[in-house]
């Protein structure tokens, strides 16, 4: 769960996830849309992959990223359980 929150902590990574929610995109497209250098984006992709928030499919020299929404949902559910969101307080 901490990997997911680390990934969500940076605005560029949140932007990447927002873009991937709409459609799969190549690394180059994401770099252009986020406005970051390819070398900086590599670090962002590594953090997102470590958190299992994105899948990367390589075809030749092109890497296409897609969103792994189930990993995000699982982390958020675990977090809400850990902090007791939705639980009734005992009197």
N, C-alpha and C. Protein backbone atom coordinates (compact mmCIF):
# COMPACT_ATOMS: atom_id res chain seq x y z
N UNK A 1 0.83 -1.19 0.00
CA UNK A 1 0.00 0.00 0.00
C UNK A 1 0.87 1.26 0.00
N UNK A 2 2.00 1.22 0.69
CA UNK A 2 2.85 2.42 0.75
C UNK A 2 3.42 2.77 -0.62
N UNK A 3 3.65 1.76 -1.48
CA UNK A 3 4.13 2.04 -2.84
C UNK A 3 3.10 2.84 -3.62
N UNK A 4 1.83 2.54 -3.41
CA UNK A 4 0.76 3.26 -4.11
C UNK A 4 0.74 4.72 -3.66
N UNK A 5 0.83 4.95 -2.36
CA UNK A 5 0.79 6.32 -1.87
C UNK A 5 2.04 7.10 -2.27
N UNK A 6 3.18 6.42 -2.34
CA UNK A 6 4.40 7.07 -2.84
C UNK A 6 4.18 7.50 -4.30
N UNK A 7 3.56 6.61 -5.08
CA UNK A 7 3.31 6.92 -6.49
C UNK A 7 2.34 8.09 -6.63
N UNK A 8 1.33 8.14 -5.77
CA UNK A 8 0.32 9.20 -5.86
C UNK A 8 0.81 10.53 -5.30
N UNK A 9 1.93 10.52 -4.61
CA UNK A 9 2.42 11.74 -3.96
C UNK A 9 2.91 12.80 -4.94
N UNK A 10 3.27 12.41 -6.15
CA UNK A 10 3.83 13.38 -7.10
C UNK A 10 2.77 13.79 -8.13
N UNK A 11 2.62 15.09 -8.37
CA UNK A 11 1.59 15.55 -9.32
C UNK A 11 1.77 15.01 -10.74
N UNK A 12 2.99 14.84 -11.19
CA UNK A 12 3.21 14.32 -12.55
C UNK A 12 2.70 12.88 -12.66
N UNK A 13 2.91 12.09 -11.60
CA UNK A 13 2.42 10.71 -11.65
C UNK A 13 0.90 10.67 -11.58
N UNK A 14 0.30 11.57 -10.82
CA UNK A 14 -1.16 11.63 -10.81
C UNK A 14 -1.69 12.01 -12.18
N UNK A 15 -1.01 12.91 -12.87
CA UNK A 15 -1.41 13.32 -14.22
C UNK A 15 -1.31 12.14 -15.19
N UNK A 16 -0.23 11.37 -15.06
CA UNK A 16 -0.06 10.18 -15.91
C UNK A 16 -1.24 9.24 -15.73
N UNK A 17 -1.63 9.00 -14.48
CA UNK A 17 -2.76 8.10 -14.22
C UNK A 17 -4.06 8.66 -14.79
N UNK A 18 -4.26 9.97 -14.67
CA UNK A 18 -5.46 10.59 -15.25
C UNK A 18 -5.49 10.39 -16.76
N UNK A 19 -4.35 10.56 -17.42
CA UNK A 19 -4.29 10.39 -18.87
C UNK A 19 -4.54 8.94 -19.27
N UNK A 20 -4.00 8.01 -18.48
CA UNK A 20 -4.18 6.59 -18.80
C UNK A 20 -5.59 6.11 -18.50
N UNK A 21 -6.31 6.84 -17.66
CA UNK A 21 -7.71 6.49 -17.40
C UNK A 21 -8.54 6.63 -18.67
N UNK A 22 -8.15 7.58 -19.51
CA UNK A 22 -8.88 7.84 -20.75
C UNK A 22 -8.50 6.83 -21.83
N UNK A 23 -7.18 6.56 -21.96
CA UNK A 23 -6.73 5.61 -22.98
C UNK A 23 -5.27 5.24 -22.73
N UNK A 24 -4.87 4.08 -23.26
CA UNK A 24 -3.47 3.68 -23.20
C UNK A 24 -2.65 4.67 -24.02
N UNK A 25 -1.42 4.91 -23.58
CA UNK A 25 -0.56 5.87 -24.28
C UNK A 25 0.89 5.40 -24.27
N UNK A 26 1.63 5.87 -25.27
CA UNK A 26 3.06 5.54 -25.32
C UNK A 26 3.81 6.45 -24.35
N UNK A 27 5.03 6.03 -24.03
CA UNK A 27 5.87 6.82 -23.14
C UNK A 27 6.11 8.22 -23.72
N UNK A 28 6.32 8.30 -25.00
CA UNK A 28 6.54 9.60 -25.65
C UNK A 28 5.33 10.51 -25.57
N UNK A 29 4.15 9.95 -25.80
CA UNK A 29 2.92 10.73 -25.69
C UNK A 29 2.75 11.27 -24.28
N UNK A 30 2.99 10.41 -23.30
CA UNK A 30 2.83 10.82 -21.90
C UNK A 30 3.84 11.92 -21.53
N UNK A 31 5.08 11.77 -21.98
CA UNK A 31 6.10 12.79 -21.70
C UNK A 31 5.68 14.14 -22.25
N UNK A 32 5.16 14.13 -23.47
CA UNK A 32 4.72 15.37 -24.11
C UNK A 32 3.53 15.98 -23.37
N UNK A 33 2.57 15.17 -23.01
CA UNK A 33 1.36 15.68 -22.35
C UNK A 33 1.62 16.14 -20.92
N UNK A 34 2.55 15.48 -20.24
CA UNK A 34 2.87 15.84 -18.86
C UNK A 34 3.86 17.00 -18.83
N UNK A 35 4.63 17.14 -19.89
CA UNK A 35 5.59 18.25 -19.98
C UNK A 35 6.89 17.98 -19.22
N UNK A 36 7.28 16.71 -19.16
CA UNK A 36 8.51 16.31 -18.48
C UNK A 36 9.47 15.70 -19.50
N UNK A 37 10.75 15.79 -19.19
CA UNK A 37 11.78 15.18 -20.05
C UNK A 37 11.67 13.66 -19.99
N UNK A 38 12.00 12.99 -21.07
CA UNK A 38 11.93 11.53 -21.07
C UNK A 38 12.73 10.89 -19.92
N UNK A 39 13.87 11.45 -19.57
CA UNK A 39 14.67 10.88 -18.48
C UNK A 39 13.93 11.00 -17.15
N UNK A 40 13.22 12.09 -16.94
CA UNK A 40 12.43 12.28 -15.72
C UNK A 40 11.24 11.32 -15.73
N UNK A 41 10.63 11.15 -16.89
CA UNK A 41 9.48 10.26 -17.00
C UNK A 41 9.87 8.81 -16.68
N UNK A 42 11.07 8.41 -17.03
CA UNK A 42 11.52 7.05 -16.72
C UNK A 42 11.42 6.77 -15.22
N UNK A 43 11.83 7.74 -14.42
CA UNK A 43 11.72 7.60 -12.97
C UNK A 43 10.28 7.49 -12.52
N UNK A 44 9.41 8.30 -13.10
CA UNK A 44 7.98 8.25 -12.77
C UNK A 44 7.38 6.88 -13.14
N UNK A 45 7.74 6.39 -14.33
CA UNK A 45 7.23 5.09 -14.76
C UNK A 45 7.70 3.98 -13.83
N UNK A 46 8.94 4.07 -13.37
CA UNK A 46 9.48 3.05 -12.45
C UNK A 46 8.68 3.02 -11.15
N UNK A 47 8.35 4.19 -10.62
CA UNK A 47 7.58 4.26 -9.38
C UNK A 47 6.17 3.73 -9.60
N UNK A 48 5.56 4.09 -10.71
CA UNK A 48 4.20 3.61 -11.01
C UNK A 48 4.17 2.10 -11.22
N UNK A 49 5.21 1.56 -11.89
CA UNK A 49 5.27 0.11 -12.09
C UNK A 49 5.52 -0.62 -10.77
N UNK A 50 6.37 -0.05 -9.91
CA UNK A 50 6.65 -0.67 -8.61
C UNK A 50 5.38 -0.76 -7.76
N UNK A 51 4.51 0.21 -7.93
CA UNK A 51 3.23 0.22 -7.21
C UNK A 51 2.17 -0.61 -7.93
N UNK A 52 2.51 -1.16 -9.08
CA UNK A 52 1.61 -1.97 -9.90
C UNK A 52 0.41 -1.16 -10.40
N UNK A 53 0.60 0.16 -10.54
CA UNK A 53 -0.49 1.01 -11.01
C UNK A 53 -0.57 1.08 -12.53
N UNK A 54 0.51 0.70 -13.20
CA UNK A 54 0.51 0.69 -14.67
C UNK A 54 1.12 -0.60 -15.17
N UNK A 55 0.71 -0.97 -16.38
CA UNK A 55 1.30 -2.08 -17.11
C UNK A 55 2.05 -1.46 -18.29
N UNK A 56 3.19 -2.03 -18.61
CA UNK A 56 3.99 -1.55 -19.74
C UNK A 56 4.12 -2.67 -20.76
N UNK A 57 3.73 -2.39 -21.99
CA UNK A 57 3.85 -3.35 -23.08
C UNK A 57 4.83 -2.79 -24.10
N UNK A 58 5.91 -3.55 -24.33
CA UNK A 58 6.94 -3.10 -25.26
C UNK A 58 6.77 -3.77 -26.60
N UNK A 59 6.80 -2.96 -27.65
CA UNK A 59 6.74 -3.46 -29.02
C UNK A 59 7.85 -2.76 -29.79
N UNK A 60 8.93 -3.47 -30.05
CA UNK A 60 10.09 -2.85 -30.68
C UNK A 60 10.70 -1.86 -29.70
N UNK A 61 10.77 -0.61 -30.11
CA UNK A 61 11.33 0.42 -29.23
C UNK A 61 10.25 1.25 -28.55
N UNK A 62 9.00 0.90 -28.80
CA UNK A 62 7.88 1.67 -28.24
C UNK A 62 7.31 0.97 -27.02
N UNK A 63 7.13 1.74 -25.94
CA UNK A 63 6.49 1.21 -24.73
C UNK A 63 5.14 1.89 -24.59
N UNK A 64 4.11 1.08 -24.47
CA UNK A 64 2.76 1.59 -24.28
C UNK A 64 2.32 1.26 -22.86
N UNK A 65 1.83 2.28 -22.17
CA UNK A 65 1.40 2.12 -20.79
C UNK A 65 -0.11 2.08 -20.70
N UNK A 66 -0.60 1.26 -19.76
CA UNK A 66 -2.03 1.19 -19.49
C UNK A 66 -2.22 1.22 -17.97
N UNK A 67 -3.39 1.66 -17.56
CA UNK A 67 -3.72 1.80 -16.15
C UNK A 67 -4.15 0.47 -15.56
N UNK A 68 -3.65 0.17 -14.37
CA UNK A 68 -4.08 -1.01 -13.62
C UNK A 68 -4.97 -0.51 -12.49
N UNK A 69 -6.21 -0.26 -12.80
CA UNK A 69 -7.13 0.34 -11.85
C UNK A 69 -7.39 -0.55 -10.64
N UNK A 70 -7.34 -1.86 -10.81
CA UNK A 70 -7.62 -2.75 -9.68
C UNK A 70 -6.59 -2.58 -8.56
N UNK A 71 -5.33 -2.31 -8.89
CA UNK A 71 -4.31 -2.09 -7.85
C UNK A 71 -4.62 -0.84 -7.04
N UNK A 72 -5.07 0.20 -7.70
CA UNK A 72 -5.43 1.43 -7.01
C UNK A 72 -6.65 1.21 -6.12
N UNK A 73 -7.64 0.52 -6.64
CA UNK A 73 -8.85 0.23 -5.86
C UNK A 73 -8.52 -0.59 -4.62
N UNK A 74 -7.66 -1.60 -4.78
CA UNK A 74 -7.28 -2.44 -3.64
C UNK A 74 -6.55 -1.64 -2.57
N UNK A 75 -5.64 -0.75 -2.98
CA UNK A 75 -4.90 0.06 -2.02
C UNK A 75 -5.82 1.01 -1.27
N UNK A 76 -6.75 1.61 -1.99
CA UNK A 76 -7.67 2.54 -1.34
C UNK A 76 -8.61 1.82 -0.38
N UNK A 77 -9.05 0.63 -0.74
CA UNK A 77 -9.89 -0.17 0.16
C UNK A 77 -9.11 -0.56 1.42
N UNK A 78 -7.87 -0.96 1.24
CA UNK A 78 -7.04 -1.33 2.40
C UNK A 78 -6.82 -0.13 3.31
N UNK A 79 -6.62 1.03 2.71
CA UNK A 79 -6.42 2.24 3.50
C UNK A 79 -7.68 2.60 4.28
N UNK A 80 -8.83 2.53 3.64
CA UNK A 80 -10.07 2.88 4.34
C UNK A 80 -10.33 1.91 5.50
N UNK A 81 -9.99 0.64 5.30
CA UNK A 81 -10.13 -0.32 6.40
C UNK A 81 -9.16 -0.01 7.53
N UNK A 82 -7.93 0.35 7.16
CA UNK A 82 -6.89 0.61 8.17
C UNK A 82 -7.24 1.81 9.06
N UNK A 83 -7.88 2.81 8.48
CA UNK A 83 -8.22 3.99 9.27
C UNK A 83 -9.66 3.96 9.78
N UNK A 84 -10.37 2.90 9.46
CA UNK A 84 -11.72 2.73 10.00
C UNK A 84 -12.78 3.54 9.32
N UNK A 85 -12.57 3.96 8.09
CA UNK A 85 -13.59 4.71 7.36
C UNK A 85 -14.78 3.80 7.11
N UNK A 86 -15.97 4.28 7.42
CA UNK A 86 -17.19 3.52 7.19
C UNK A 86 -17.58 2.61 8.33
N UNK A 87 -16.71 2.52 9.34
CA UNK A 87 -17.06 1.69 10.50
C UNK A 87 -17.83 2.52 11.51
N UNK A 88 -18.79 1.90 12.13
CA UNK A 88 -19.54 2.58 13.17
C UNK A 88 -18.74 2.57 14.46
N UNK A 89 -18.74 3.69 15.13
CA UNK A 89 -18.05 3.76 16.42
C UNK A 89 -18.89 3.06 17.48
N UNK A 90 -18.23 2.30 18.34
CA UNK A 90 -18.95 1.64 19.43
C UNK A 90 -19.16 2.63 20.56
N UNK A 91 -20.28 2.53 21.22
CA UNK A 91 -20.61 3.47 22.27
C UNK A 91 -20.22 2.93 23.62
